[in-house]
């Protein structure tokens, strides 16, 4: 049995049934008729009701899980309206900082990728996210965590974390997977407040022409200014 969530399909079926009887209406006209069947004044009201349900009901996609430093302050799942995964802070927890974050992630076995170069690609879009969102990837062994890890937060070349409100931006991380690797973990996260959406994730084995991601640090490359003579 159809519900109001099937309104567009119902309008399509109604239009076809009427056309079979040589009664020709536009799709818009049929949407208006479907709205009337649900005792609503017009299609705009029914459309808004459908959008509200889609925004409220977030379901974690199969294979993914919600984690992070403070997942209780967030909601996450499939945003059907935007055709993407979404993480957003719950409004009742308004005083979040960059130390609060939530991630949607997957954990997979490393066995098919050992000894090969692996590239993860994903697209990110943020809305009102002052502390930003980003993709990340980590490789663990049975005995050690973070054999390889990067979340692009330290990058200074315009390829790092996405902040504020943005359009869709592609990000990638490439690692050589060690032979001792046991598991690979990847996903995207939101820090602080706002919304972060992600889509189009890919994990591919690539050749050596694709450079590995070198995690940038604040460490100096060598001892510098040991006599204290140079002043900024």
C-alpha atoms as a PDB file:
ATOM      1  CA  UNK A   1       0.000   0.000   0.000  1.00  0.00           C
ATOM      2  CA  UNK A   2       1.281   3.453  -0.926  1.00  0.00           C
ATOM      3  CA  UNK A   3       1.846   6.224   1.622  1.00  0.00           C
ATOM      4  CA  UNK A   4       2.285   9.963   1.076  1.00  0.00           C
ATOM      5  CA  UNK A   5       6.026   9.266   0.744  1.00  0.00           C
ATOM      6  CA  UNK A   6       5.193   7.608  -2.612  1.00  0.00           C
ATOM      7  CA  UNK A   7       3.456  10.720  -3.937  1.00  0.00           C
ATOM      8  CA  UNK A   8       5.599  11.118  -7.058  1.00  0.00           C
ATOM      9  CA  UNK A   9       5.114   7.486  -8.038  1.00  0.00           C
ATOM     10  CA  UNK A  10       1.380   7.804  -7.412  1.00  0.00           C
ATOM     11  CA  UNK A  11       1.229  10.895  -9.605  1.00  0.00           C
ATOM     12  CA  UNK A  12       3.052   9.067 -12.401  1.00  0.00           C
ATOM     13  CA  UNK A  13       0.666   6.114 -12.180  1.00  0.00           C
ATOM     14  CA  UNK A  14      -2.360   8.417 -12.068  1.00  0.00           C
ATOM     15  CA  UNK A  15      -1.178  10.302 -15.140  1.00  0.00           C
ATOM     16  CA  UNK A  16      -0.733   7.042 -17.070  1.00  0.00           C
ATOM     17  CA  UNK A  17      -4.126   5.690 -15.987  1.00  0.00           C
ATOM     18  CA  UNK A  18      -5.841   8.910 -17.102  1.00  0.00           C
ATOM     19  CA  UNK A  19      -3.950   8.931 -20.406  1.00  0.00           C
ATOM     20  CA  UNK A  20      -5.217   5.407 -21.061  1.00  0.00           C
ATOM     21  CA  UNK A  21      -8.700   6.953 -20.853  1.00  0.00           C
ATOM     22  CA  UNK A  22      -7.671   9.832 -23.112  1.00  0.00           C
ATOM     23  CA  UNK A  23      -7.600  12.303 -20.227  1.00  0.00           C
ATOM     24  CA  UNK A  24      -4.323  14.189 -20.406  1.00  0.00           C
ATOM     25  CA  UNK A  25      -2.928  15.998 -17.384  1.00  0.00           C
ATOM     26  CA  UNK A  26       0.577  17.224 -16.624  1.00  0.00           C
ATOM     27  CA  UNK A  27       2.697  15.602 -13.954  1.00  0.00           C
ATOM     28  CA  UNK A  28       2.299  18.775 -11.871  1.00  0.00           C
ATOM     29  CA  UNK A  29      -1.490  18.522 -12.112  1.00  0.00           C
ATOM     30  CA  UNK A  30      -1.328  14.910 -10.929  1.00  0.00           C
ATOM     31  CA  UNK A  31       0.884  15.863  -7.992  1.00  0.00           C
ATOM     32  CA  UNK A  32      -1.760  18.394  -6.964  1.00  0.00           C
ATOM     33  CA  UNK A  33      -4.454  15.698  -7.158  1.00  0.00           C
ATOM     34  CA  UNK A  34      -2.402  13.322  -5.012  1.00  0.00           C
ATOM     35  CA  UNK A  35      -1.972  16.067  -2.414  1.00  0.00           C
ATOM     36  CA  UNK A  36      -5.743  16.504  -2.315  1.00  0.00           C
ATOM     37  CA  UNK A  37      -6.135  12.758  -1.657  1.00  0.00           C
ATOM     38  CA  UNK A  38      -4.220  13.323   1.579  1.00  0.00           C
ATOM     39  CA  UNK A  39      -6.455  16.276   2.520  1.00  0.00           C
ATOM     40  CA  UNK A  40      -3.687  18.804   1.844  1.00  0.00           C
ATOM     41  CA  UNK A  41      -4.273  22.082   0.034  1.00  0.00           C
ATOM     42  CA  UNK A  42      -1.553  21.672  -2.579  1.00  0.00           C
ATOM     43  CA  UNK A  43       1.573  19.833  -3.664  1.00  0.00           C
ATOM     44  CA  UNK A  44       3.896  22.341  -1.989  1.00  0.00           C
ATOM     45  CA  UNK A  45       2.527  21.388   1.431  1.00  0.00           C
ATOM     46  CA  UNK A  46       2.835  17.664   0.707  1.00  0.00           C
ATOM     47  CA  UNK A  47       6.351  18.131  -0.681  1.00  0.00           C
ATOM     48  CA  UNK A  48       7.412  19.976   2.481  1.00  0.00           C
ATOM     49  CA  UNK A  49       5.972  17.149   4.593  1.00  0.00           C
ATOM     50  CA  UNK A  50       7.961  14.569   2.616  1.00  0.00           C
ATOM     51  CA  UNK A  51      11.167  16.600   2.916  1.00  0.00           C
ATOM     52  CA  UNK A  52      10.674  16.919   6.667  1.00  0.00           C
ATOM     53  CA  UNK A  53      10.422  13.141   7.055  1.00  0.00           C
ATOM     54  CA  UNK A  54      13.494  12.567   4.895  1.00  0.00           C
ATOM     55  CA  UNK A  55      15.512  15.010   6.984  1.00  0.00           C
ATOM     56  CA  UNK A  56      14.406  13.498  10.300  1.00  0.00           C
ATOM     57  CA  UNK A  57      14.945   9.838   9.443  1.00  0.00           C
ATOM     58  CA  UNK A  58      18.658   9.150   9.109  1.00  0.00           C
ATOM     59  CA  UNK A  59      19.586   5.497   8.742  1.00  0.00           C
ATOM     60  CA  UNK A  60      23.190   4.341   8.997  1.00  0.00           C
ATOM     61  CA  UNK A  61      24.057   2.797   5.586  1.00  0.00           C
ATOM     62  CA  UNK A  62      24.940  -0.910   5.512  1.00  0.00           C
ATOM     63  CA  UNK A  63      28.614  -1.543   6.201  1.00  0.00           C
ATOM     64  CA  UNK A  64      29.143   1.803   7.963  1.00  0.00           C
ATOM     65  CA  UNK A  65      29.189   2.602  11.653  1.00  0.00           C
ATOM     66  CA  UNK A  66      29.018   5.727  13.782  1.00  0.00           C
ATOM     67  CA  UNK A  67      31.968   6.395  16.072  1.00  0.00           C
ATOM     68  CA  UNK A  68      34.283   9.207  17.179  1.00  0.00           C
ATOM     69  CA  UNK A  69      35.184  11.183  20.250  1.00  0.00           C
ATOM     70  CA  UNK A  70      31.653  12.363  21.077  1.00  0.00           C
ATOM     71  CA  UNK A  71      29.057  10.598  18.861  1.00  0.00           C
ATOM     72  CA  UNK A  72      26.276  11.240  21.405  1.00  0.00           C
ATOM     73  CA  UNK A  73      26.347  14.907  20.389  1.00  0.00           C
ATOM     74  CA  UNK A  74      25.574  14.115  16.728  1.00  0.00           C
ATOM     75  CA  UNK A  75      23.249  12.304  14.393  1.00  0.00           C
ATOM     76  CA  UNK A  76      24.440  10.571  11.251  1.00  0.00           C
ATOM     77  CA  UNK A  77      23.185   8.483   8.370  1.00  0.00           C
ATOM     78  CA  UNK A  78      21.943   8.576   4.803  1.00  0.00           C
ATOM     79  CA  UNK A  79      20.573  11.974   3.751  1.00  0.00           C
ATOM     80  CA  UNK A  80      18.202  10.925   0.963  1.00  0.00           C
ATOM     81  CA  UNK A  81      17.500  14.533   0.024  1.00  0.00           C
ATOM     82  CA  UNK A  82      21.130  15.119  -0.952  1.00  0.00           C
ATOM     83  CA  UNK A  83      21.980  11.556  -1.931  1.00  0.00           C
ATOM     84  CA  UNK A  84      24.909  11.511   0.501  1.00  0.00           C
ATOM     85  CA  UNK A  85      25.932  10.443   3.985  1.00  0.00           C
ATOM     86  CA  UNK A  86      25.497  13.141   6.621  1.00  0.00           C
ATOM     87  CA  UNK A  87      26.879  13.998  10.041  1.00  0.00           C
ATOM     88  CA  UNK A  88      25.404  16.965  11.916  1.00  0.00           C
ATOM     89  CA  UNK A  89      25.472  18.144  15.504  1.00  0.00           C
ATOM     90  CA  UNK A  90      22.326  17.839  17.596  1.00  0.00           C
ATOM     91  CA  UNK A  91      20.994  21.347  18.331  1.00  0.00           C
ATOM     92  CA  UNK A  92      20.511  20.606  22.024  1.00  0.00           C
ATOM     93  CA  UNK A  93      24.303  20.381  22.341  1.00  0.00           C
ATOM     94  CA  UNK A  94      25.170  23.821  21.037  1.00  0.00           C
ATOM     95  CA  UNK A  95      28.470  24.380  22.843  1.00  0.00           C
ATOM     96  CA  UNK A  96      30.650  21.958  20.935  1.00  0.00           C
ATOM     97  CA  UNK A  97      34.309  22.575  20.163  1.00  0.00           C
ATOM     98  CA  UNK A  98      36.927  21.153  17.823  1.00  0.00           C
ATOM     99  CA  UNK A  99      37.685  18.467  20.414  1.00  0.00           C
ATOM    100  CA  UNK A 100      34.175  17.052  19.898  1.00  0.00           C
ATOM    101  CA  UNK A 101      33.759  15.026  16.736  1.00  0.00           C
ATOM    102  CA  UNK A 102      31.799  12.230  15.109  1.00  0.00           C
ATOM    103  CA  UNK A 103      32.720   9.908  12.260  1.00  0.00           C
ATOM    104  CA  UNK A 104      30.998   7.522   9.872  1.00  0.00           C
ATOM    105  CA  UNK A 105      33.492   4.786   9.100  1.00  0.00           C
ATOM    106  CA  UNK A 106      34.164   1.310   7.761  1.00  0.00           C
ATOM    107  CA  UNK A 107      36.657  -1.310   8.931  1.00  0.00           C
ATOM    108  CA  UNK A 108      37.845  -3.890   6.399  1.00  0.00           C
ATOM    109  CA  UNK A 109      40.461  -6.616   6.231  1.00  0.00           C
ATOM    110  CA  UNK A 110      43.813  -5.548   4.809  1.00  0.00           C
ATOM    111  CA  UNK A 111      44.583  -8.943   3.274  1.00  0.00           C
ATOM    112  CA  UNK A 112      43.677  -8.112  -0.381  1.00  0.00           C
ATOM    113  CA  UNK A 113      45.798  -4.940  -0.276  1.00  0.00           C
ATOM    114  CA  UNK A 114      48.998  -6.060   1.463  1.00  0.00           C
ATOM    115  CA  UNK A 115      52.156  -5.020  -0.369  1.00  0.00           C
ATOM    116  CA  UNK A 116      50.187  -2.736  -2.696  1.00  0.00           C
ATOM    117  CA  UNK A 117      49.495   0.960  -2.981  1.00  0.00           C
ATOM    118  CA  UNK A 118      45.955   1.870  -1.925  1.00  0.00           C
ATOM    119  CA  UNK A 119      44.174   5.123  -2.674  1.00  0.00           C
ATOM    120  CA  UNK A 120      40.960   6.245  -0.991  1.00  0.00           C
ATOM    121  CA  UNK A 121      38.932   8.996  -2.650  1.00  0.00           C
ATOM    122  CA  UNK A 122      35.850  10.731  -1.264  1.00  0.00           C
ATOM    123  CA  UNK A 123      33.905  13.938  -1.809  1.00  0.00           C
ATOM    124  CA  UNK A 124      33.110  16.277   1.100  1.00  0.00           C
ATOM    125  CA  UNK A 125      30.718  19.187   1.481  1.00  0.00           C
ATOM    126  CA  UNK A 126      30.294  21.265   4.652  1.00  0.00           C
ATOM    127  CA  UNK A 127      27.594  23.632   5.901  1.00  0.00           C
ATOM    128  CA  UNK A 128      28.207  26.117   8.725  1.00  0.00           C
ATOM    129  CA  UNK A 129      31.102  24.003  10.036  1.00  0.00           C
ATOM    130  CA  UNK A 130      33.709  26.342  11.576  1.00  0.00           C
ATOM    131  CA  UNK A 131      35.953  23.452  12.658  1.00  0.00           C
ATOM    132  CA  UNK A 132      35.391  21.511   9.474  1.00  0.00           C
ATOM    133  CA  UNK A 133      35.118  18.001   8.151  1.00  0.00           C
ATOM    134  CA  UNK A 134      37.469  15.692   6.309  1.00  0.00           C
ATOM    135  CA  UNK A 135      38.130  12.162   5.103  1.00  0.00           C
ATOM    136  CA  UNK A 136      40.576   9.895   6.906  1.00  0.00           C
ATOM    137  CA  UNK A 137      42.230   6.497   6.619  1.00  0.00           C
ATOM    138  CA  UNK A 138      44.191   4.308   9.064  1.00  0.00           C
ATOM    139  CA  UNK A 139      46.022   0.997   8.726  1.00  0.00           C
ATOM    140  CA  UNK A 140      46.549  -1.266  11.763  1.00  0.00           C
ATOM    141  CA  UNK A 141      48.394  -4.506  12.396  1.00  0.00           C
ATOM    142  CA  UNK A 142      47.335  -7.149  14.909  1.00  0.00           C
ATOM    143  CA  UNK A 143      49.763  -5.682  17.432  1.00  0.00           C
ATOM    144  CA  UNK A 144      49.907  -1.993  16.579  1.00  0.00           C
ATOM    145  CA  UNK A 145      47.551   0.818  15.723  1.00  0.00           C
ATOM    146  CA  UNK A 146      48.377   3.577  13.253  1.00  0.00           C
ATOM    147  CA  UNK A 147      50.885   1.813  11.034  1.00  0.00           C
ATOM    148  CA  UNK A 148      49.624   4.418   8.596  1.00  0.00           C
ATOM    149  CA  UNK A 149      47.256   7.276   9.414  1.00  0.00           C
ATOM    150  CA  UNK A 150      46.178  10.581   7.929  1.00  0.00           C
ATOM    151  CA  UNK A 151      43.127  12.817   8.157  1.00  0.00           C
ATOM    152  CA  UNK A 152      44.624  15.741   6.181  1.00  0.00           C
ATOM    153  CA  UNK A 153      44.243  18.102   9.152  1.00  0.00           C
ATOM    154  CA  UNK A 154      47.868  19.223   9.071  1.00  0.00           C
ATOM    155  CA  UNK A 155      48.025  19.929   5.347  1.00  0.00           C
ATOM    156  CA  UNK A 156      48.832  23.510   4.337  1.00  0.00           C
ATOM    157  CA  UNK A 157      48.451  23.177   0.557  1.00  0.00           C
ATOM    158  CA  UNK A 158      44.716  23.704   0.194  1.00  0.00           C
ATOM    159  CA  UNK A 159      44.080  19.954   0.218  1.00  0.00           C
ATOM    160  CA  UNK A 160      43.251  19.621   3.899  1.00  0.00           C
ATOM    161  CA  UNK A 161      40.204  19.853   6.124  1.00  0.00           C
ATOM    162  CA  UNK A 162      37.130  21.594   4.654  1.00  0.00           C
ATOM    163  CA  UNK A 163      35.676  24.373   6.819  1.00  0.00           C
ATOM    164  CA  UNK A 164      32.730  26.752   6.786  1.00  0.00           C
ATOM    165  CA  UNK A 165      30.250  26.251   3.940  1.00  0.00           C
ATOM    166  CA  UNK A 166      31.602  24.686   0.781  1.00  0.00           C
ATOM    167  CA  UNK A 167      30.652  23.076  -2.485  1.00  0.00           C
ATOM    168  CA  UNK A 168      31.595  19.446  -3.129  1.00  0.00           C
ATOM    169  CA  UNK A 169      35.375  18.994  -2.811  1.00  0.00           C
ATOM    170  CA  UNK A 170      37.290  15.808  -3.576  1.00  0.00           C
ATOM    171  CA  UNK A 171      39.892  14.578  -1.098  1.00  0.00           C
ATOM    172  CA  UNK A 172      42.206  11.565  -1.308  1.00  0.00           C
ATOM    173  CA  UNK A 173      44.700   9.629   0.812  1.00  0.00           C
ATOM    174  CA  UNK A 174      47.202   7.131  -0.628  1.00  0.00           C
ATOM    175  CA  UNK A 175      49.230   4.615   1.395  1.00  0.00           C
ATOM    176  CA  UNK A 176      51.541   1.690   0.758  1.00  0.00           C
ATOM    177  CA  UNK A 177      49.917  -1.129   2.703  1.00  0.00           C
ATOM    178  CA  UNK A 178      52.536  -2.992   4.812  1.00  0.00           C
ATOM    179  CA  UNK A 179      52.736  -6.774   4.692  1.00  0.00           C
ATOM    180  CA  UNK A 180      51.971  -6.897   8.434  1.00  0.00           C
ATOM    181  CA  UNK A 181      48.746  -4.903   7.993  1.00  0.00           C
ATOM    182  CA  UNK A 182      45.659  -6.604   9.434  1.00  0.00           C
ATOM    183  CA  UNK A 183      42.890  -4.024   9.010  1.00  0.00           C
ATOM    184  CA  UNK A 184      42.082  -0.809   7.167  1.00  0.00           C
ATOM    185  CA  UNK A 185      39.749   1.824   8.589  1.00  0.00           C
ATOM    186  CA  UNK A 186      38.398   4.823   6.706  1.00  0.00           C
ATOM    187  CA  UNK A 187      35.572   7.332   6.605  1.00  0.00           C
ATOM    188  CA  UNK A 188      34.812  10.989   7.183  1.00  0.00           C
ATOM    189  CA  UNK A 189      34.175  13.106  10.243  1.00  0.00           C
ATOM    190  CA  UNK A 190      32.762  16.415  11.457  1.00  0.00           C
ATOM    191  CA  UNK A 191      34.421  18.415  14.218  1.00  0.00           C
ATOM    192  CA  UNK A 192      32.420  20.785  16.414  1.00  0.00           C
ATOM    193  CA  UNK A 193      29.154  22.131  15.047  1.00  0.00           C
ATOM    194  CA  UNK A 194      27.559  22.233  11.597  1.00  0.00           C
ATOM    195  CA  UNK A 195      26.995  19.636   8.916  1.00  0.00           C
ATOM    196  CA  UNK A 196      29.335  17.499   6.845  1.00  0.00           C
ATOM    197  CA  UNK A 197      28.163  15.438   3.871  1.00  0.00           C
ATOM    198  CA  UNK A 198      30.164  12.819   1.979  1.00  0.00           C
ATOM    199  CA  UNK A 199      29.662  10.819  -1.193  1.00  0.00           C
ATOM    200  CA  UNK A 200      31.443   8.849  -3.936  1.00  0.00           C
ATOM    201  CA  UNK A 201      33.947   6.939  -1.806  1.00  0.00           C
ATOM    202  CA  UNK A 202      36.366   4.705  -3.733  1.00  0.00           C
ATOM    203  CA  UNK A 203      39.208   2.408  -2.670  1.00  0.00           C
ATOM    204  CA  UNK A 204      41.499   1.444  -5.523  1.00  0.00           C
ATOM    205  CA  UNK A 205      44.846  -0.269  -5.927  1.00  0.00           C
ATOM    206  CA  UNK A 206      47.067   2.145  -7.855  1.00  0.00           C
ATOM    207  CA  UNK A 207      50.579   2.007  -9.301  1.00  0.00           C
ATOM    208  CA  UNK A 208      53.678   3.895  -8.204  1.00  0.00           C
ATOM    209  CA  UNK A 209      52.826   6.802 -10.487  1.00  0.00           C
ATOM    210  CA  UNK A 210      50.330   7.891  -7.810  1.00  0.00           C
ATOM    211  CA  UNK A 211      52.334   9.483  -4.964  1.00  0.00           C
ATOM    212  CA  UNK A 212      51.712   8.373  -1.395  1.00  0.00           C
ATOM    213  CA  UNK A 213      50.225  10.856   1.028  1.00  0.00           C
ATOM    214  CA  UNK A 214      52.947  12.262   3.243  1.00  0.00           C
ATOM    215  CA  UNK A 215      51.457  13.416   6.511  1.00  0.00           C
ATOM    216  CA  UNK A 216      52.695  16.912   7.254  1.00  0.00           C
ATOM    217  CA  UNK A 217      53.901  17.677  10.764  1.00  0.00           C
ATOM    218  CA  UNK A 218      55.142  20.668  12.708  1.00  0.00           C
ATOM    219  CA  UNK A 219      58.548  19.068  13.200  1.00  0.00           C
ATOM    220  CA  UNK A 220      61.565  20.794  11.689  1.00  0.00           C
ATOM    221  CA  UNK A 221      63.418  18.723   9.077  1.00  0.00           C
ATOM    222  CA  UNK A 222      66.740  19.213  10.907  1.00  0.00           C
ATOM    223  CA  UNK A 223      68.270  21.116  13.881  1.00  0.00           C
ATOM    224  CA  UNK A 224      67.957  24.832  13.170  1.00  0.00           C
ATOM    225  CA  UNK A 225      69.230  28.133  14.660  1.00  0.00           C
ATOM    226  CA  UNK A 226      71.061  26.454  17.527  1.00  0.00           C
ATOM    227  CA  UNK A 227      72.957  29.685  18.360  1.00  0.00           C
ATOM    228  CA  UNK A 228      69.679  31.676  18.515  1.00  0.00           C
ATOM    229  CA  UNK A 229      70.996  34.343  16.122  1.00  0.00           C
ATOM    230  CA  UNK A 230      68.106  34.255  13.631  1.00  0.00           C
ATOM    231  CA  UNK A 231      64.998  36.127  14.776  1.00  0.00           C
ATOM    232  CA  UNK A 232      61.724  36.176  12.903  1.00  0.00           C
END
